């Protein structure tokens, strides 16, 4: 069989040679590309003749799948698969596995960092200091004792809750399916929005979650509350977020995800929003998580070859 790693995904040259030899011993060909290229025709060329491919968050469309008739498996070096045409994959029995768990720690840690950055005005404080300013107007807020509302009690959401316990936070959560977690009170969405000082989003992008947080939801939040989004951009209505910040319906926000991957258009609505920290989709990007990711996506392929697929998304 032929396996094509369509982009680097953090694999070093040394690691690639090890993997190449491992798969060669089993009678398979493994090829690896050292640059990220989102041009669909280039991706099709890279995947030519492949039985399985590895890709992160580059869109995999029907056109790509039409051009790759040999494809039987996609090992996604990412947690979400909303960039994959899952309907076509299901129709053609193309197995899709994700890299579940690779970024749990990195995302959870960044969420806490984002909360502290908003509360203690770290980003703007750095900027004003560099321009010769002082701490006037920089009265901050403590995280200690606040109520954190977790929307989506998966691995990342619950890890955020676990870390937040150190700050003596009250933890409430909304989850689509029923769960029981020690130290976390599960509530409905309106209650979470009403009672939370921090609302942190940890849901996948689906038809049900697109626009989950919009005008009506912001109106239900405390005027002192802040929103953290490390989930998916379209889960939040950007226009509504900008309006809520401008009108003082919420006190601040920090986002790491958008309707498209950065760089963003210069006219993006959020560039005009006050009290907002914007990051270039880096929550998952640490040395440690990238190392885990390589191990997970390659193990997905090994187990698929053994007839024991895991992390199945379809």
C-alpha atoms as a PDB file:
ATOM      1  CA  UNK A   1       0.000   0.000   0.000  1.00  0.00           C
ATOM      2  CA  UNK A   2       0.962   3.627  -0.456  1.00  0.00           C
ATOM      3  CA  UNK A   3       0.660   6.167   2.332  1.00  0.00           C
ATOM      4  CA  UNK A   4       1.100   9.896   1.755  1.00  0.00           C
ATOM      5  CA  UNK A   5       1.684  12.462   4.509  1.00  0.00           C
ATOM      6  CA  UNK A   6       0.456  15.554   2.685  1.00  0.00           C
ATOM      7  CA  UNK A   7       2.116  18.121   4.965  1.00  0.00           C
ATOM      8  CA  UNK A   8       4.841  18.216   7.664  1.00  0.00           C
ATOM      9  CA  UNK A   9       2.598  17.934  10.830  1.00  0.00           C
ATOM     10  CA  UNK A  10       5.732  18.249  12.967  1.00  0.00           C
ATOM     11  CA  UNK A  11       7.510  15.127  11.700  1.00  0.00           C
ATOM     12  CA  UNK A  12      11.282  15.568  11.769  1.00  0.00           C
ATOM     13  CA  UNK A  13      13.478  14.205   8.995  1.00  0.00           C
ATOM     14  CA  UNK A  14      14.882  11.627  11.409  1.00  0.00           C
ATOM     15  CA  UNK A  15      11.424  10.491  12.502  1.00  0.00           C
ATOM     16  CA  UNK A  16      10.294  10.256   8.895  1.00  0.00           C
ATOM     17  CA  UNK A  17      13.210   7.981   7.994  1.00  0.00           C
ATOM     18  CA  UNK A  18      12.346   5.712  10.914  1.00  0.00           C
ATOM     19  CA  UNK A  19       8.699   5.529   9.835  1.00  0.00           C
ATOM     20  CA  UNK A  20       9.642   5.033   6.196  1.00  0.00           C
ATOM     21  CA  UNK A  21      11.825   2.048   7.077  1.00  0.00           C
ATOM     22  CA  UNK A  22       9.184   0.615   9.402  1.00  0.00           C
ATOM     23  CA  UNK A  23       6.515   0.667   6.694  1.00  0.00           C
ATOM     24  CA  UNK A  24       8.950  -0.558   4.020  1.00  0.00           C
ATOM     25  CA  UNK A  25       9.620  -3.689   6.073  1.00  0.00           C
ATOM     26  CA  UNK A  26       5.870  -4.333   5.965  1.00  0.00           C
ATOM     27  CA  UNK A  27       5.870  -3.891   2.208  1.00  0.00           C
ATOM     28  CA  UNK A  28       4.362  -0.418   2.131  1.00  0.00           C
ATOM     29  CA  UNK A  29       5.491   2.887   0.653  1.00  0.00           C
ATOM     30  CA  UNK A  30       5.453   5.981   2.845  1.00  0.00           C
ATOM     31  CA  UNK A  31       6.027   9.409   1.315  1.00  0.00           C
ATOM     32  CA  UNK A  32       6.245  12.724   3.126  1.00  0.00           C
ATOM     33  CA  UNK A  33       6.006  16.356   2.044  1.00  0.00           C
ATOM     34  CA  UNK A  34       7.962  19.000   3.902  1.00  0.00           C
ATOM     35  CA  UNK A  35       5.764  22.028   3.158  1.00  0.00           C
ATOM     36  CA  UNK A  36       2.127  22.914   3.725  1.00  0.00           C
ATOM     37  CA  UNK A  37       0.338  23.604   0.453  1.00  0.00           C
ATOM     38  CA  UNK A  38      -3.437  24.090   0.402  1.00  0.00           C
ATOM     39  CA  UNK A  39      -3.771  24.197  -3.381  1.00  0.00           C
ATOM     40  CA  UNK A  40      -6.180  21.401  -4.202  1.00  0.00           C
ATOM     41  CA  UNK A  41      -4.481  20.347  -7.414  1.00  0.00           C
ATOM     42  CA  UNK A  42      -1.156  20.101  -5.608  1.00  0.00           C
ATOM     43  CA  UNK A  43      -2.787  18.034  -2.859  1.00  0.00           C
ATOM     44  CA  UNK A  44      -4.298  15.706  -5.462  1.00  0.00           C
ATOM     45  CA  UNK A  45      -0.870  15.282  -7.010  1.00  0.00           C
ATOM     46  CA  UNK A  46       0.649  14.480  -3.626  1.00  0.00           C
ATOM     47  CA  UNK A  47      -2.048  11.905  -2.907  1.00  0.00           C
ATOM     48  CA  UNK A  48      -1.839  10.211  -6.302  1.00  0.00           C
ATOM     49  CA  UNK A  49      -2.212   6.455  -5.918  1.00  0.00           C
ATOM     50  CA  UNK A  50      -2.373   6.637  -2.121  1.00  0.00           C
ATOM     51  CA  UNK A  51      -4.431   4.159  -0.110  1.00  0.00           C
ATOM     52  CA  UNK A  52      -4.267   6.394   2.952  1.00  0.00           C
ATOM     53  CA  UNK A  53      -3.302  10.017   3.581  1.00  0.00           C
ATOM     54  CA  UNK A  54      -2.402  12.119   6.588  1.00  0.00           C
ATOM     55  CA  UNK A  55      -3.644  15.718   6.677  1.00  0.00           C
ATOM     56  CA  UNK A  56      -4.293  18.259   9.437  1.00  0.00           C
ATOM     57  CA  UNK A  57      -6.913  20.969   8.881  1.00  0.00           C
ATOM     58  CA  UNK A  58      -6.523  21.468   5.124  1.00  0.00           C
ATOM     59  CA  UNK A  59      -9.967  21.042   3.503  1.00  0.00           C
ATOM     60  CA  UNK A  60     -10.586  17.659   1.895  1.00  0.00           C
ATOM     61  CA  UNK A  61     -13.365  18.146  -0.631  1.00  0.00           C
ATOM     62  CA  UNK A  62     -15.419  15.991  -2.960  1.00  0.00           C
ATOM     63  CA  UNK A  63     -13.180  17.078  -5.834  1.00  0.00           C
ATOM     64  CA  UNK A  64     -10.125  15.791  -3.982  1.00  0.00           C
ATOM     65  CA  UNK A  65     -11.856  12.516  -3.145  1.00  0.00           C
ATOM     66  CA  UNK A  66     -13.066  12.122  -6.748  1.00  0.00           C
ATOM     67  CA  UNK A  67      -9.462  12.413  -7.907  1.00  0.00           C
ATOM     68  CA  UNK A  68      -8.206   9.793  -5.416  1.00  0.00           C
ATOM     69  CA  UNK A  69     -10.115   6.573  -6.232  1.00  0.00           C
ATOM     70  CA  UNK A  70      -7.656   4.365  -4.308  1.00  0.00           C
ATOM     71  CA  UNK A  71      -8.174   6.215  -1.054  1.00  0.00           C
ATOM     72  CA  UNK A  72      -9.515   4.044   1.766  1.00  0.00           C
ATOM     73  CA  UNK A  73      -8.365   5.857   4.884  1.00  0.00           C
ATOM     74  CA  UNK A  74      -7.701   9.423   6.093  1.00  0.00           C
ATOM     75  CA  UNK A  75      -5.734   9.891   9.292  1.00  0.00           C
ATOM     76  CA  UNK A  76      -6.523  13.442  10.393  1.00  0.00           C
ATOM     77  CA  UNK A  77      -3.779  15.167  12.368  1.00  0.00           C
ATOM     78  CA  UNK A  78      -6.387  17.273  14.106  1.00  0.00           C
ATOM     79  CA  UNK A  79      -9.281  16.790  16.525  1.00  0.00           C
ATOM     80  CA  UNK A  80     -12.141  18.236  14.471  1.00  0.00           C
ATOM     81  CA  UNK A  81     -13.111  16.880  11.063  1.00  0.00           C
ATOM     82  CA  UNK A  82     -15.464  19.619   9.885  1.00  0.00           C
ATOM     83  CA  UNK A  83     -12.988  20.363   7.070  1.00  0.00           C
ATOM     84  CA  UNK A  84     -13.449  16.850   5.656  1.00  0.00           C
ATOM     85  CA  UNK A  85     -16.373  15.988   3.347  1.00  0.00           C
ATOM     86  CA  UNK A  86     -17.616  13.313   5.713  1.00  0.00           C
ATOM     87  CA  UNK A  87     -20.737  12.556   3.691  1.00  0.00           C
ATOM     88  CA  UNK A  88     -18.677  11.496   0.673  1.00  0.00           C
ATOM     89  CA  UNK A  89     -16.288   9.550   2.916  1.00  0.00           C
ATOM     90  CA  UNK A  90     -19.204   7.613   4.350  1.00  0.00           C
ATOM     91  CA  UNK A  91     -20.665   6.949   0.902  1.00  0.00           C
ATOM     92  CA  UNK A  92     -17.339   5.558  -0.319  1.00  0.00           C
ATOM     93  CA  UNK A  93     -16.406   3.704   2.875  1.00  0.00           C
ATOM     94  CA  UNK A  94     -13.338   5.857   3.430  1.00  0.00           C
ATOM     95  CA  UNK A  95     -12.418   5.519   7.085  1.00  0.00           C
ATOM     96  CA  UNK A  96     -11.641   8.805   8.850  1.00  0.00           C
ATOM     97  CA  UNK A  97      -9.703   8.746  12.129  1.00  0.00           C
ATOM     98  CA  UNK A  98      -8.780  11.823  14.134  1.00  0.00           C
ATOM     99  CA  UNK A  99      -5.919  12.630  16.505  1.00  0.00           C
ATOM    100  CA  UNK A 100      -8.052  12.539  19.634  1.00  0.00           C
ATOM    101  CA  UNK A 101      -6.270  13.784  22.730  1.00  0.00           C
ATOM    102  CA  UNK A 102      -3.146  15.195  21.130  1.00  0.00           C
ATOM    103  CA  UNK A 103      -3.847  18.788  22.179  1.00  0.00           C
ATOM    104  CA  UNK A 104      -5.845  18.393  25.376  1.00  0.00           C
ATOM    105  CA  UNK A 105      -3.140  19.853  27.602  1.00  0.00           C
ATOM    106  CA  UNK A 106      -2.028  22.583  25.201  1.00  0.00           C
ATOM    107  CA  UNK A 107      -5.537  23.905  24.585  1.00  0.00           C
ATOM    108  CA  UNK A 108      -6.574  23.720  28.230  1.00  0.00           C
ATOM    109  CA  UNK A 109      -3.460  25.584  29.338  1.00  0.00           C
ATOM    110  CA  UNK A 110      -4.013  28.307  26.756  1.00  0.00           C
ATOM    111  CA  UNK A 111      -7.629  28.755  27.881  1.00  0.00           C
ATOM    112  CA  UNK A 112      -6.428  29.563  31.380  1.00  0.00           C
ATOM    113  CA  UNK A 113      -3.811  31.878  29.905  1.00  0.00           C
ATOM    114  CA  UNK A 114      -6.451  33.653  27.832  1.00  0.00           C
ATOM    115  CA  UNK A 115      -8.680  34.139  30.861  1.00  0.00           C
ATOM    116  CA  UNK A 116      -5.826  35.619  32.867  1.00  0.00           C
ATOM    117  CA  UNK A 117      -4.779  37.789  29.924  1.00  0.00           C
ATOM    118  CA  UNK A 118      -8.257  39.307  29.673  1.00  0.00           C
ATOM    119  CA  UNK A 119      -8.721  39.668  33.416  1.00  0.00           C
ATOM    120  CA  UNK A 120      -5.276  41.160  34.070  1.00  0.00           C
ATOM    121  CA  UNK A 121      -5.003  43.078  30.757  1.00  0.00           C
ATOM    122  CA  UNK A 122      -1.637  41.500  30.018  1.00  0.00           C
ATOM    123  CA  UNK A 123      -1.542  42.159  26.273  1.00  0.00           C
ATOM    124  CA  UNK A 124      -2.568  45.804  26.481  1.00  0.00           C
ATOM    125  CA  UNK A 125      -0.341  46.254  29.535  1.00  0.00           C
ATOM    126  CA  UNK A 126       2.682  45.130  27.546  1.00  0.00           C
ATOM    127  CA  UNK A 127       1.809  47.478  24.720  1.00  0.00           C
ATOM    128  CA  UNK A 128       1.252  50.539  26.895  1.00  0.00           C
ATOM    129  CA  UNK A 129       4.482  49.915  28.806  1.00  0.00           C
ATOM    130  CA  UNK A 130       6.479  49.792  25.574  1.00  0.00           C
ATOM    131  CA  UNK A 131       5.036  53.202  24.638  1.00  0.00           C
ATOM    132  CA  UNK A 132       6.074  54.791  27.903  1.00  0.00           C
ATOM    133  CA  UNK A 133       2.810  54.414  29.807  1.00  0.00           C
ATOM    134  CA  UNK A 134       2.075  53.386  33.381  1.00  0.00           C
ATOM    135  CA  UNK A 135      -0.551  51.269  35.151  1.00  0.00           C
ATOM    136  CA  UNK A 136      -3.253  53.964  35.185  1.00  0.00           C
ATOM    137  CA  UNK A 137      -6.510  52.388  34.087  1.00  0.00           C
ATOM    138  CA  UNK A 138      -5.189  48.856  34.516  1.00  0.00           C
ATOM    139  CA  UNK A 139      -7.276  47.744  37.491  1.00  0.00           C
ATOM    140  CA  UNK A 140      -7.658  44.028  36.885  1.00  0.00           C
ATOM    141  CA  UNK A 141      -9.899  41.169  37.994  1.00  0.00           C
ATOM    142  CA  UNK A 142      -8.939  38.020  39.893  1.00  0.00           C
ATOM    143  CA  UNK A 143      -9.838  34.567  38.615  1.00  0.00           C
ATOM    144  CA  UNK A 144     -10.005  33.249  42.174  1.00  0.00           C
ATOM    145  CA  UNK A 145     -13.537  32.262  43.173  1.00  0.00           C
ATOM    146  CA  UNK A 146     -15.159  33.001  39.809  1.00  0.00           C
ATOM    147  CA  UNK A 147     -17.761  30.773  38.157  1.00  0.00           C
ATOM    148  CA  UNK A 148     -16.466  29.165  34.967  1.00  0.00           C
ATOM    149  CA  UNK A 149     -19.026  27.791  32.548  1.00  0.00           C
ATOM    150  CA  UNK A 150     -17.741  24.991  30.333  1.00  0.00           C
ATOM    151  CA  UNK A 151     -19.752  24.476  27.138  1.00  0.00           C
ATOM    152  CA  UNK A 152     -18.874  20.980  26.000  1.00  0.00           C
ATOM    153  CA  UNK A 153     -17.603  18.607  28.685  1.00  0.00           C
ATOM    154  CA  UNK A 154     -15.215  16.571  26.571  1.00  0.00           C
ATOM    155  CA  UNK A 155     -11.576  15.922  27.381  1.00  0.00           C
ATOM    156  CA  UNK A 156     -10.447  19.512  26.856  1.00  0.00           C
ATOM    157  CA  UNK A 157     -13.396  21.109  28.639  1.00  0.00           C
ATOM    158  CA  UNK A 158     -12.950  18.874  31.663  1.00  0.00           C
ATOM    159  CA  UNK A 159      -9.197  19.502  31.724  1.00  0.00           C
ATOM    160  CA  UNK A 160      -9.921  23.246  31.821  1.00  0.00           C
ATOM    161  CA  UNK A 161     -12.254  22.586  34.747  1.00  0.00           C
ATOM    162  CA  UNK A 162      -9.603  20.556  36.529  1.00  0.00           C
ATOM    163  CA  UNK A 163      -6.991  23.296  36.208  1.00  0.00           C
ATOM    164  CA  UNK A 164      -9.519  25.944  37.251  1.00  0.00           C
ATOM    165  CA  UNK A 165     -10.045  24.135  40.552  1.00  0.00           C
ATOM    166  CA  UNK A 166      -6.620  25.412  41.580  1.00  0.00           C
ATOM    167  CA  UNK A 167      -8.060  28.935  41.365  1.00  0.00           C
ATOM    168  CA  UNK A 168     -10.921  28.006  43.703  1.00  0.00           C
ATOM    169  CA  UNK A 169     -13.441  28.430  40.879  1.00  0.00           C
ATOM    170  CA  UNK A 170     -17.013  27.236  40.890  1.00  0.00           C
ATOM    171  CA  UNK A 171     -17.395  24.942  37.888  1.00  0.00           C
ATOM    172  CA  UNK A 172     -20.595  24.545  35.906  1.00  0.00           C
ATOM    173  CA  UNK A 173     -20.994  22.857  32.543  1.00  0.00           C
ATOM    174  CA  UNK A 174     -23.422  22.251  29.731  1.00  0.00           C
ATOM    175  CA  UNK A 175     -23.107  19.059  27.703  1.00  0.00           C
ATOM    176  CA  UNK A 176     -25.327  17.516  25.052  1.00  0.00           C
ATOM    177  CA  UNK A 177     -25.274  14.117  26.770  1.00  0.00           C
ATOM    178  CA  UNK A 178     -25.639  13.532  30.493  1.00  0.00           C
ATOM    179  CA  UNK A 179     -22.458  13.303  32.522  1.00  0.00           C
ATOM    180  CA  UNK A 180     -21.496  13.125  36.155  1.00  0.00           C
ATOM    181  CA  UNK A 181     -18.148  14.657  37.080  1.00  0.00           C
ATOM    182  CA  UNK A 182     -17.003  15.307  40.627  1.00  0.00           C
ATOM    183  CA  UNK A 183     -16.751  18.992  41.336  1.00  0.00           C
ATOM    184  CA  UNK A 184     -18.666  20.036  38.215  1.00  0.00           C
ATOM    185  CA  UNK A 185     -22.337  21.007  38.282  1.00  0.00           C
ATOM    186  CA  UNK A 186     -24.170  20.299  35.034  1.00  0.00           C
ATOM    187  CA  UNK A 187     -26.794  22.870  34.090  1.00  0.00           C
ATOM    188  CA  UNK A 188     -28.822  23.910  31.076  1.00  0.00           C
ATOM    189  CA  UNK A 189     -27.449  26.463  28.644  1.00  0.00           C
ATOM    190  CA  UNK A 190     -29.502  29.466  29.827  1.00  0.00           C
ATOM    191  CA  UNK A 191     -28.402  28.849  33.425  1.00  0.00           C
ATOM    192  CA  UNK A 192     -24.776  28.574  32.376  1.00  0.00           C
ATOM    193  CA  UNK A 193     -24.902  31.836  30.453  1.00  0.00           C
ATOM    194  CA  UNK A 194     -26.674  33.636  33.290  1.00  0.00           C
ATOM    195  CA  UNK A 195     -24.402  32.482  36.115  1.00  0.00           C
ATOM    196  CA  UNK A 196     -20.936  32.279  34.535  1.00  0.00           C
ATOM    197  CA  UNK A 197     -18.205  34.841  34.964  1.00  0.00           C
ATOM    198  CA  UNK A 198     -16.278  33.041  32.215  1.00  0.00           C
ATOM    199  CA  UNK A 199     -17.888  31.100  29.370  1.00  0.00           C
ATOM    200  CA  UNK A 200     -15.396  28.765  27.672  1.00  0.00           C
ATOM    201  CA  UNK A 201     -16.406  26.926  24.496  1.00  0.00           C
ATOM    202  CA  UNK A 202     -15.315  23.341  23.807  1.00  0.00           C
ATOM    203  CA  UNK A 203     -17.731  21.936  21.235  1.00  0.00           C
ATOM    204  CA  UNK A 204     -17.159  20.633  17.698  1.00  0.00           C
ATOM    205  CA  UNK A 205     -18.550  22.516  14.723  1.00  0.00           C
ATOM    206  CA  UNK A 206     -21.795  20.890  13.603  1.00  0.00           C
ATOM    207  CA  UNK A 207     -25.099  22.105  12.244  1.00  0.00           C
ATOM    208  CA  UNK A 208     -26.320  22.200  15.836  1.00  0.00           C
ATOM    209  CA  UNK A 209     -23.406  24.263  17.174  1.00  0.00           C
ATOM    210  CA  UNK A 210     -22.973  26.748  14.320  1.00  0.00           C
ATOM    211  CA  UNK A 211     -23.964  30.136  15.720  1.00  0.00           C
ATOM    212  CA  UNK A 212     -24.441  28.617  19.171  1.00  0.00           C
ATOM    213  CA  UNK A 213     -23.416  31.922  20.748  1.00  0.00           C
ATOM    214  CA  UNK A 214     -25.183  34.872  19.147  1.00  0.00           C
ATOM    215  CA  UNK A 215     -27.105  38.023  20.042  1.00  0.00           C
ATOM    216  CA  UNK A 216     -29.613  36.343  22.343  1.00  0.00           C
ATOM    217  CA  UNK A 217     -26.931  34.405  24.186  1.00  0.00           C
ATOM    218  CA  UNK A 218     -24.824  37.504  24.807  1.00  0.00           C
ATOM    219  CA  UNK A 219     -27.873  39.263  26.248  1.00  0.00           C
ATOM    220  CA  UNK A 220     -28.210  36.435  28.790  1.00  0.00           C
ATOM    221  CA  UNK A 221     -24.622  36.815  30.031  1.00  0.00           C
ATOM    222  CA  UNK A 222     -23.448  39.049  32.853  1.00  0.00           C
ATOM    223  CA  UNK A 223     -22.098  42.450  31.802  1.00  0.00           C
ATOM    224  CA  UNK A 224     -18.955  41.493  33.744  1.00  0.00           C
ATOM    225  CA  UNK A 225     -18.587  38.128  31.977  1.00  0.00           C
ATOM    226  CA  UNK A 226     -15.968  37.181  29.415  1.00  0.00           C
ATOM    227  CA  UNK A 227     -16.069  34.683  26.539  1.00  0.00           C
ATOM    228  CA  UNK A 228     -13.240  32.329  25.545  1.00  0.00           C
ATOM    229  CA  UNK A 229     -13.395  30.506  22.196  1.00  0.00           C
ATOM    230  CA  UNK A 230     -10.805  27.860  21.348  1.00  0.00           C
ATOM    231  CA  UNK A 231     -13.387  25.573  19.738  1.00  0.00           C
ATOM    232  CA  UNK A 232     -14.348  26.614  16.199  1.00  0.00           C
ATOM    233  CA  UNK A 233     -14.898  30.103  14.832  1.00  0.00           C
ATOM    234  CA  UNK A 234     -18.443  29.669  13.482  1.00  0.00           C
ATOM    235  CA  UNK A 235     -19.652  28.479  16.899  1.00  0.00           C
ATOM    236  CA  UNK A 236     -19.771  32.202  17.719  1.00  0.00           C
ATOM    237  CA  UNK A 237     -21.482  34.851  15.602  1.00  0.00           C
ATOM    238  CA  UNK A 238     -18.612  37.311  15.081  1.00  0.00           C
ATOM    239  CA  UNK A 239     -20.927  40.219  14.339  1.00  0.00           C
ATOM    240  CA  UNK A 240     -22.844  39.549  17.534  1.00  0.00           C
ATOM    241  CA  UNK A 241     -19.619  39.262  19.537  1.00  0.00           C
ATOM    242  CA  UNK A 242     -18.375  42.598  18.221  1.00  0.00           C
ATOM    243  CA  UNK A 243     -21.720  44.223  19.025  1.00  0.00           C
ATOM    244  CA  UNK A 244     -21.810  42.724  22.534  1.00  0.00           C
ATOM    245  CA  UNK A 245     -18.337  44.091  23.272  1.00  0.00           C
ATOM    246  CA  UNK A 246     -19.105  47.511  21.833  1.00  0.00           C
ATOM    247  CA  UNK A 247     -22.374  47.766  23.798  1.00  0.00           C
ATOM    248  CA  UNK A 248     -20.900  46.495  27.053  1.00  0.00           C
ATOM    249  CA  UNK A 249     -23.160  43.445  27.138  1.00  0.00           C
ATOM    250  CA  UNK A 250     -20.060  41.471  28.130  1.00  0.00           C
ATOM    251  CA  UNK A 251     -16.779  42.756  29.553  1.00  0.00           C
ATOM    252  CA  UNK A 252     -14.281  41.058  27.273  1.00  0.00           C
ATOM    253  CA  UNK A 253     -13.354  38.066  25.166  1.00  0.00           C
ATOM    254  CA  UNK A 254     -10.439  36.082  23.781  1.00  0.00           C
ATOM    255  CA  UNK A 255     -10.658  34.036  20.585  1.00  0.00           C
ATOM    256  CA  UNK A 256      -8.248  31.716  18.819  1.00  0.00           C
ATOM    257  CA  UNK A 257     -10.511  30.512  15.992  1.00  0.00           C
ATOM    258  CA  UNK A 258     -12.390  32.179  13.161  1.00  0.00           C
ATOM    259  CA  UNK A 259     -14.534  31.475  10.110  1.00  0.00           C
ATOM    260  CA  UNK A 260     -11.308  30.772   8.206  1.00  0.00           C
ATOM    261  CA  UNK A 261      -7.711  30.110   9.113  1.00  0.00           C
ATOM    262  CA  UNK A 262      -5.553  33.208   9.700  1.00  0.00           C
ATOM    263  CA  UNK A 263      -4.336  35.391   8.114  1.00  0.00           C
ATOM    264  CA  UNK A 264      -7.707  37.118   8.327  1.00  0.00           C
ATOM    265  CA  UNK A 265      -9.086  39.677   5.903  1.00  0.00           C
ATOM    266  CA  UNK A 266      -8.126  43.220   6.905  1.00  0.00           C
ATOM    267  CA  UNK A 267     -11.826  44.097   7.089  1.00  0.00           C
ATOM    268  CA  UNK A 268     -12.673  41.366   9.611  1.00  0.00           C
ATOM    269  CA  UNK A 269     -15.336  42.671  11.987  1.00  0.00           C
ATOM    270  CA  UNK A 270     -13.494  41.597  15.132  1.00  0.00           C
ATOM    271  CA  UNK A 271     -10.574  43.941  14.447  1.00  0.00           C
ATOM    272  CA  UNK A 272     -12.823  46.796  15.556  1.00  0.00           C
ATOM    273  CA  UNK A 273     -14.058  45.129  18.749  1.00  0.00           C
ATOM    274  CA  UNK A 274     -12.881  46.532  22.115  1.00  0.00           C
ATOM    275  CA  UNK A 275     -11.582  44.419  25.014  1.00  0.00           C
ATOM    276  CA  UNK A 276     -10.806  41.500  22.720  1.00  0.00           C
ATOM    277  CA  UNK A 277      -7.670  39.360  22.487  1.00  0.00           C
ATOM    278  CA  UNK A 278      -7.215  37.666  19.101  1.00  0.00           C
ATOM    279  CA  UNK A 279      -4.759  34.797  18.566  1.00  0.00           C
ATOM    280  CA  UNK A 280      -3.820  33.121  15.246  1.00  0.00           C
ATOM    281  CA  UNK A 281      -5.188  29.633  16.019  1.00  0.00           C
ATOM    282  CA  UNK A 282      -2.320  28.434  18.156  1.00  0.00           C
ATOM    283  CA  UNK A 283      -4.033  26.644  21.039  1.00  0.00           C
ATOM    284  CA  UNK A 284      -2.956  23.212  19.779  1.00  0.00           C
ATOM    285  CA  UNK A 285       0.525  24.318  18.715  1.00  0.00           C
ATOM    286  CA  UNK A 286       3.162  23.186  21.203  1.00  0.00           C
ATOM    287  CA  UNK A 287       6.227  21.013  20.814  1.00  0.00           C
ATOM    288  CA  UNK A 288       4.675  18.435  23.090  1.00  0.00           C
ATOM    289  CA  UNK A 289       1.314  18.259  21.314  1.00  0.00           C
ATOM    290  CA  UNK A 290       2.942  18.005  17.878  1.00  0.00           C
ATOM    291  CA  UNK A 291       5.023  15.080  19.077  1.00  0.00           C
ATOM    292  CA  UNK A 292       1.906  13.338  20.414  1.00  0.00           C
ATOM    293  CA  UNK A 293       0.087  14.064  17.172  1.00  0.00           C
ATOM    294  CA  UNK A 294       2.657  12.260  15.029  1.00  0.00           C
ATOM    295  CA  UNK A 295       2.436   9.190  17.249  1.00  0.00           C
ATOM    296  CA  UNK A 296      -1.373   9.184  17.201  1.00  0.00           C
ATOM    297  CA  UNK A 297      -1.882   9.594  13.446  1.00  0.00           C
ATOM    298  CA  UNK A 298       0.676   6.932  12.576  1.00  0.00           C
ATOM    299  CA  UNK A 299      -0.750   4.533  15.152  1.00  0.00           C
ATOM    300  CA  UNK A 300      -4.173   5.141  13.580  1.00  0.00           C
ATOM    301  CA  UNK A 301      -2.753   3.826  10.306  1.00  0.00           C
ATOM    302  CA  UNK A 302      -0.998   0.856  11.935  1.00  0.00           C
ATOM    303  CA  UNK A 303      -4.175  -0.247  13.692  1.00  0.00           C
ATOM    304  CA  UNK A 304      -6.234   0.234  10.525  1.00  0.00           C
ATOM    305  CA  UNK A 305      -3.821  -2.077   8.687  1.00  0.00           C
ATOM    306  CA  UNK A 306      -4.325  -4.614  11.472  1.00  0.00           C
ATOM    307  CA  UNK A 307      -8.098  -4.411  11.100  1.00  0.00           C
ATOM    308  CA  UNK A 308      -8.421  -2.657  14.472  1.00  0.00           C
ATOM    309  CA  UNK A 309      -9.243   0.960  13.533  1.00  0.00           C
ATOM    310  CA  UNK A 310      -9.582   3.517  16.329  1.00  0.00           C
ATOM    311  CA  UNK A 311     -10.578   7.176  16.733  1.00  0.00           C
ATOM    312  CA  UNK A 312     -13.198   6.573  14.072  1.00  0.00           C
ATOM    313  CA  UNK A 313     -15.187   9.656  13.113  1.00  0.00           C
ATOM    314  CA  UNK A 314     -17.619   8.043  10.646  1.00  0.00           C
END
